[in-house]
Protein backbone atom coordinates (compact mmCIF):
# COMPACT_ATOMS: atom_id res chain seq x y z
CA MET A 1 -57.32 -31.35 75.39
CA LYS A 2 -56.70 -27.88 73.89
CA GLU A 3 -58.46 -27.88 70.15
CA LYS A 4 -55.36 -27.44 67.82
CA ASP A 5 -56.18 -24.51 65.24
CA PHE A 6 -55.75 -26.46 62.51
CA GLN A 7 -54.83 -30.18 61.66
CA LEU A 8 -54.37 -32.25 58.50
CA GLU A 9 -56.13 -35.51 57.58
CA LEU A 10 -54.96 -38.43 54.93
CA VAL A 11 -58.25 -39.26 52.86
CA PHE A 12 -58.32 -42.08 50.39
CA ASN A 13 -60.10 -40.76 46.72
CA PRO A 14 -62.39 -43.97 45.04
CA ASP A 15 -59.53 -44.48 43.04
CA GLY A 16 -57.36 -45.12 45.59
CA GLN A 17 -55.00 -41.42 45.14
CA GLU A 18 -54.62 -40.17 49.08
CA GLN A 19 -54.46 -36.58 49.03
CA LYS A 20 -53.73 -34.03 52.28
CA ARG A 21 -56.70 -31.91 53.34
CA MET A 22 -56.35 -29.20 56.02
CA ILE A 23 -59.02 -28.84 58.19
CA VAL A 24 -59.50 -25.40 60.62
CA ASN A 25 -61.46 -25.31 63.14
CA ASP A 26 -61.27 -21.78 64.26
CA VAL A 27 -61.61 -20.02 60.52
CA ASP A 28 -62.01 -16.02 61.93
CA LYS A 29 -58.05 -16.57 62.90
CA TYR A 30 -57.14 -16.87 59.48
CA SER A 31 -57.04 -15.33 56.41
CA TRP A 32 -56.10 -17.42 53.09
CA ILE A 33 -54.29 -16.14 50.02
CA SER A 34 -52.76 -18.06 46.99
CA LYS A 35 -50.07 -18.97 46.66
CA LYS A 36 -48.81 -15.78 44.22
CA GLN A 37 -50.58 -13.23 47.27
CA LEU A 38 -47.83 -14.44 48.48
CA GLU A 39 -45.32 -14.45 46.43
CA ALA A 40 -46.44 -11.38 45.72
CA TYR A 41 -46.76 -10.06 49.58
CA ARG A 42 -42.75 -11.16 50.38
CA ALA A 43 -41.74 -9.06 46.66
CA GLN A 44 -43.44 -5.81 48.49
CA LEU A 45 -41.08 -7.30 51.57
CA GLU A 46 -38.12 -7.06 49.87
CA LYS A 47 -38.92 -3.92 48.27
CA GLU A 48 -39.25 -2.65 50.57
CA ASN A 49 -35.77 -3.99 53.25
CA MET A 50 -34.29 -2.29 49.98
CA ARG A 51 -35.21 1.71 50.33
CA LEU A 52 -34.43 0.66 53.94
CA ARG A 53 -30.41 -0.86 53.09
CA ASP A 54 -30.48 2.28 50.45
CA LYS A 55 -27.78 4.73 51.30
CA ARG A 56 -29.54 7.13 49.29
CA GLY A 57 -32.23 8.32 51.66
CA ASP A 58 -36.23 8.30 51.49
CA PHE A 59 -37.61 9.20 48.25
CA VAL A 60 -41.05 10.61 46.70
CA MET A 61 -42.33 8.96 43.18
CA GLY A 62 -43.15 11.28 40.83
CA LYS A 63 -45.70 9.70 37.39
CA SER A 64 -44.36 10.44 34.63
CA GLU A 65 -47.05 11.03 31.94
CA ASN A 66 -49.38 12.81 34.53
CA ILE A 67 -45.91 15.33 35.65
CA ARG A 68 -45.32 15.24 31.58
CA LEU A 69 -49.76 16.49 31.41
CA LEU A 70 -48.57 19.55 33.24
CA GLU A 71 -46.15 20.24 30.49
CA GLU A 72 -50.00 21.56 29.41
CA THR A 73 -51.34 23.90 32.35
CA ASP A 74 -49.39 27.13 32.81
CA LEU A 75 -46.57 25.62 35.15
CA THR A 76 -43.47 28.01 34.83
CA VAL A 77 -40.20 26.76 35.60
CA SER A 78 -40.55 29.43 38.50
CA ASP A 79 -43.70 27.58 39.62
CA ARG A 80 -41.65 24.18 39.57
CA ARG A 81 -38.96 25.79 41.30
CA TYR A 82 -41.42 26.46 44.37
CA PHE A 83 -42.93 23.19 44.31
CA MET A 84 -39.64 20.82 43.94
CA ILE A 85 -38.55 23.36 47.71
CA LEU A 86 -41.70 21.82 48.60
CA VAL A 87 -40.88 17.51 47.31
CA LEU A 88 -38.16 17.88 50.71
CA TYR A 89 -41.20 18.20 52.93
CA ALA A 90 -43.25 15.32 51.92
CA ARG A 91 -44.03 12.54 54.34
CA PHE A 92 -45.43 9.24 54.07
CA ASN A 93 -48.11 7.71 53.25
CA GLY A 94 -51.03 10.69 52.43
CA GLU A 95 -49.68 12.50 55.85
CA PRO A 96 -49.06 16.97 55.39
CA LEU A 97 -45.90 18.73 54.42
CA THR A 98 -43.45 18.93 57.51
CA LYS A 99 -40.41 20.69 59.31
CA ASP A 100 -39.16 19.76 62.32
CA GLY A 101 -42.25 17.73 63.18
CA VAL A 102 -45.02 20.65 62.59
CA ALA A 103 -47.08 20.35 59.46
CA LEU A 104 -46.30 23.76 57.06
CA ASN A 105 -49.05 26.02 56.81
CA ASN A 106 -48.33 29.96 54.30
CA LYS A 107 -46.50 31.35 56.51
CA SER A 108 -44.04 28.82 57.39
CA ILE A 109 -43.93 28.40 53.39
CA GLY A 110 -43.21 31.41 52.80
CA GLU A 111 -40.24 31.31 55.10
CA ILE A 112 -39.26 28.08 53.00
CA TRP A 113 -39.79 29.89 50.38
CA GLU A 114 -37.85 33.49 51.29
CA ILE A 115 -41.21 35.63 50.65
CA SER A 116 -42.80 37.84 52.93
CA ASP A 117 -45.69 38.70 50.85
CA PRO A 118 -48.69 36.57 52.02
CA LYS A 119 -50.82 37.73 48.89
CA THR A 120 -47.60 35.99 46.85
CA ILE A 121 -47.33 32.76 49.40
CA SER A 122 -51.13 32.28 48.94
CA LYS A 123 -51.42 32.90 45.04
CA ARG A 124 -48.67 30.69 43.50
CA LEU A 125 -49.98 27.30 46.37
CA ASN A 126 -53.48 28.47 45.33
CA LYS A 127 -52.40 27.61 41.59
CA PHE A 128 -50.66 24.36 43.21
CA VAL A 129 -54.27 23.16 44.07
CA LYS A 130 -55.64 24.59 41.55
CA LEU A 131 -53.27 22.39 39.01
CA GLY A 132 -53.70 19.31 41.58
CA LEU A 133 -50.21 19.27 42.75
CA LEU A 134 -50.68 20.00 46.42
CA GLU A 135 -53.94 18.99 48.23
CA LYS A 136 -54.86 22.31 50.96
CA ILE A 137 -56.40 20.40 54.57
CA LYS A 138 -58.21 23.32 56.80
CA ASN A 139 -57.38 22.99 59.83
CA GLY A 140 -59.27 25.89 61.10
CA ARG A 141 -58.44 29.32 60.37
CA VAL A 142 -55.20 26.80 58.80
CA SER A 143 -54.78 25.07 55.74
CA ASN A 144 -51.60 22.49 56.03
CA TYR A 145 -50.79 20.92 52.76
CA VAL A 146 -50.10 17.38 51.35
CA LEU A 147 -48.24 16.12 47.79
CA ASN A 148 -51.28 15.12 45.37
CA GLU A 149 -50.13 11.77 44.90
CA LEU A 150 -51.62 11.85 40.85
CA TYR A 151 -48.40 13.35 40.08
CA PHE A 152 -46.16 12.63 43.75
CA GLN A 153 -46.63 9.75 46.50
CA MET A 154 -44.24 8.46 49.06
CA GLY A 155 -44.98 5.59 50.99
CA LYS A 156 -47.83 2.54 49.66
CA GLY A 157 -49.84 6.05 48.75
CA LYS A 158 -53.61 5.55 50.04
CA LYS A 159 -56.18 7.73 48.01
CA HIS A 160 -55.07 6.95 43.92
CA HIS A 161 -55.05 3.22 42.43
CA ILE A 162 -51.53 1.75 41.30
CA ASP A 163 -51.25 0.77 38.18
CA PRO A 164 -48.66 -2.06 37.88
CA GLY A 165 -48.03 -0.52 34.91
CA GLU A 166 -47.51 3.11 36.06
CA LYS A 167 -43.73 4.55 34.99
CA PHE A 168 -42.44 6.09 37.80
CA VAL A 169 -39.19 8.45 38.33
CA LYS A 170 -37.91 8.20 42.26
CA LEU A 171 -36.30 11.43 43.59
CA PHE A 172 -33.72 12.04 45.77
CA LYS A 173 -34.45 13.87 48.91
CA ASN A 174 -30.73 14.57 50.30
CA GLN A 175 -29.51 14.69 46.88
CA LEU A 176 -32.43 16.98 46.10
CA SER A 177 -31.65 19.37 49.69
CA ASN A 178 -27.84 19.27 47.71
CA VAL A 179 -28.45 20.87 44.76
CA ILE A 180 -30.97 23.18 45.98
CA SER A 181 -27.86 24.87 48.42
CA ASN A 182 -25.85 24.34 45.53
CA VAL A 183 -27.65 26.26 43.42
CA ARG A 184 -28.07 28.69 46.21
CA LYS A 185 -24.50 29.31 46.52
CA ILE A 186 -24.20 29.74 42.72
CA GLU A 187 -26.70 32.56 43.27
CA GLN A 188 -25.93 34.25 45.94
CA ASN A 189 -22.12 34.71 43.64
CA LYS A 190 -24.01 36.08 41.28
CA ASN A 191 -23.94 40.20 41.45
CA ARG A 192 -19.73 39.99 42.43
CA ARG A 193 -19.58 36.89 39.36
CA ARG A 194 -21.11 39.57 37.24
CA LYS A 195 -21.39 36.69 34.84
CA THR A 196 -25.03 35.00 34.48
CA GLY A 197 -27.00 37.63 32.67
CA GLN A 198 -30.76 37.45 33.11
CA VAL A 199 -31.16 34.38 33.62
CA ASN A 200 -33.02 33.67 37.60
CA LEU A 201 -30.49 31.19 38.43
CA LYS A 202 -32.60 29.23 41.40
CA ASP A 203 -35.15 28.84 38.65
CA VAL A 204 -33.09 25.93 37.56
CA ILE A 205 -34.70 23.32 40.54
CA GLY A 206 -37.25 23.99 38.00
CA LEU A 207 -35.74 22.29 34.63
CA LEU A 208 -35.66 18.97 37.33
CA HIS A 209 -39.64 18.78 37.72
CA ALA A 210 -40.09 19.32 33.87
CA VAL A 211 -37.33 16.39 32.61
CA MET A 212 -38.30 14.34 35.24
CA PRO A 213 -40.84 12.50 32.40
CA TYR A 214 -37.72 11.95 30.37
CA PHE A 215 -35.63 10.26 32.22
CA HIS A 216 -34.52 6.88 30.80
CA TYR A 217 -34.95 4.28 33.54
CA GLU A 218 -31.38 2.34 32.13
CA THR A 219 -29.20 4.76 31.26
CA TYR A 220 -29.97 8.11 32.86
CA TYR A 221 -29.43 10.23 30.17
CA LEU A 222 -32.74 12.71 28.94
CA VAL A 223 -33.79 11.34 25.32
CA SER A 224 -37.59 11.10 24.14
CA ASN A 225 -37.65 7.65 24.54
CA PRO A 226 -37.43 7.19 27.95
CA ASP A 227 -38.63 3.43 28.82
CA GLU A 228 -37.50 2.23 25.87
CA ARG A 229 -35.18 -1.18 26.97
CA ILE A 230 -32.11 -0.67 25.08
CA THR A 231 -29.77 -3.83 26.67
CA LEU A 232 -30.14 -7.43 24.91
CA GLU A 233 -30.68 -10.05 26.92
CA GLY A 234 -27.25 -10.29 29.20
CA GLU A 235 -26.11 -7.93 27.88
CA SER A 236 -24.93 -4.38 29.67
CA VAL A 237 -25.72 -1.34 29.54
CA LEU A 238 -22.40 0.22 28.20
CA ASP A 239 -22.47 -2.85 26.03
CA ALA A 240 -25.85 -1.46 24.21
CA VAL A 241 -24.61 1.95 24.26
CA LYS A 242 -21.33 0.89 22.57
CA ARG A 243 -23.52 -1.85 20.09
CA ASP A 244 -26.03 1.51 18.79
CA PRO A 245 -26.32 4.08 20.35
CA LYS A 246 -28.71 5.78 17.79
CA GLN A 247 -31.21 3.70 20.66
CA LEU A 248 -31.24 7.08 22.75
CA LYS A 249 -33.25 9.48 21.00
CA HIS A 250 -31.44 12.45 23.31
CA LEU A 251 -33.24 15.63 23.75
CA SER A 252 -31.68 19.38 22.63
CA LYS A 253 -32.49 22.49 24.11
CA SER A 254 -34.93 23.47 21.81
CA GLN A 255 -36.65 19.94 22.75
CA ILE A 256 -36.64 21.26 26.40
CA GLY A 257 -37.35 24.30 26.46
CA ARG A 258 -40.60 23.56 24.26
CA ILE A 259 -40.97 21.62 27.60
CA LEU A 260 -40.63 24.17 30.02
CA GLY A 261 -43.09 26.04 28.57
CA TYR A 262 -40.95 28.64 25.93
CA GLU A 263 -42.55 29.12 23.01
CA ASN A 264 -39.20 30.80 21.15
CA ALA A 265 -37.05 28.86 23.52
CA ASN A 266 -32.85 30.88 24.25
CA ARG A 267 -30.82 27.80 23.40
CA ALA A 268 -28.23 29.97 26.01
CA THR A 269 -30.69 30.10 28.63
CA ILE A 270 -31.02 26.70 28.62
CA SER A 271 -26.94 25.79 28.58
CA ARG A 272 -27.33 28.43 31.11
CA TYR A 273 -29.83 26.55 33.00
CA MET A 274 -27.46 23.11 32.53
CA ASP A 275 -24.04 24.61 33.50
CA ILE A 276 -25.31 26.00 36.82
CA LEU A 277 -27.37 22.33 37.39
CA GLN A 278 -24.01 20.51 36.57
CA ARG A 279 -22.22 22.72 38.51
CA SER A 280 -24.40 22.25 41.52
CA GLY A 281 -24.31 17.90 40.52
CA ALA A 282 -27.97 17.82 39.20
CA VAL A 283 -26.60 17.05 35.75
CA MET A 284 -23.55 16.69 33.78
CA VAL A 285 -23.63 17.95 30.38
CA LEU A 286 -21.19 15.69 27.83
CA GLN A 287 -20.39 17.33 24.09
CA ASN A 288 -19.42 15.76 21.36
CA ASN A 289 -18.85 16.85 17.49
CA SER A 290 -21.65 20.23 18.27
CA ARG A 291 -23.85 17.40 20.38
CA THR A 292 -24.95 17.78 23.68
CA ARG A 293 -25.87 14.92 26.05
CA TYR A 294 -27.09 15.83 29.75
CA LEU A 295 -26.80 12.78 32.52
CA ILE A 296 -28.77 12.93 35.83
CA HIS A 297 -27.09 11.46 38.78
CA PRO A 298 -28.27 7.84 39.42
CA ASP A 299 -28.30 9.58 43.39
CA LEU A 300 -31.22 12.12 42.22
CA MET A 301 -32.92 10.10 40.21
CA PHE A 302 -33.34 6.61 39.71
CA ARG A 303 -36.62 4.24 38.52
CA LEU A 304 -35.29 0.34 39.07
CA ASP A 305 -35.87 -1.51 41.30
CA SER A 306 -32.36 -2.05 42.92
CA ASP A 307 -30.71 0.14 45.76
CA GLY A 308 -28.25 1.23 43.15
CA THR A 309 -25.29 -0.57 43.52
CA ASP A 310 -24.61 -2.37 40.71
CA GLU A 311 -22.18 -1.87 38.01
CA TYR A 312 -23.66 1.00 35.63
CA THR A 313 -24.79 3.28 38.57
CA GLU A 314 -21.48 2.69 39.80
CA TYR A 315 -19.46 3.57 37.23
CA VAL A 316 -21.71 7.02 36.41
CA ARG A 317 -20.57 7.91 39.59
CA GLN A 318 -17.13 7.90 39.65
CA LEU A 319 -18.09 10.16 35.87
CA PHE A 320 -19.82 12.73 38.61
CA GLY A 321 -16.87 12.81 40.92
CA GLN A 322 -14.08 13.30 38.01
CA HIS A 323 -16.51 16.17 37.34
CA LYS A 324 -16.66 18.27 40.42
């Protein structure tokens, strides 16, 4: 008779209490985990299934605190713009940036950036590598690039330990691509309209990268207290805002200017940036009593472990729909 892999036995303790015992005949065939580990595994599977069901598509996860620390570097809003374009080509689990199945190199990145000078391309990529935004992979005489998981990751992640308390912002690639495309269209009309002043419209994409750490996880506003819960147990987000609207510490134009690295922020420039982002479908600019509030589209940035079909998120989508 073929021996079973395992069997249950019923034994009696000296005090007469019965106890079940499992006997494993081939210990190399099985691995054992605790109930707590099993629950964590099931929760991870559910998150993965939720990601696959999410109609917003693939996303990269930006690490809020690490991105915020980039404010202390010489990273410019223009640098941030070029980096955000590369995010569109991120792959899962530390694979190289890829377009149409081919890993990107300096030449193909230059084509995407619409830059022809090899020195300019190389200089900017080397800056990203130096700051730790990208990792360079040598493939013979050609260099390929990977998103550094210190700041962004897509998938499980291989190199950096994930702290359970670490704050992430999901950046959805489909909506980012739409926003970048819309900004380019506005840029193409710049000379004809002649209403843009000296602002480089394409650089507004860099603003989105800079403000990611200030994206409030419950309301989607740009605030200085993005991790602070404003709802009470069982309370909706809208009710919480009505109950105490002062809970949110909204970012001012001057604060956004400092985040971008401007020593003397021009409020008109920030207004222009936000106007372009609003026309591109990324931001909603809300004004009341000379105060300005900035709301980010939840299909562009998101922080909750859900598919974004809750009542409040749908409400915010409807707001954006009314401002098209």
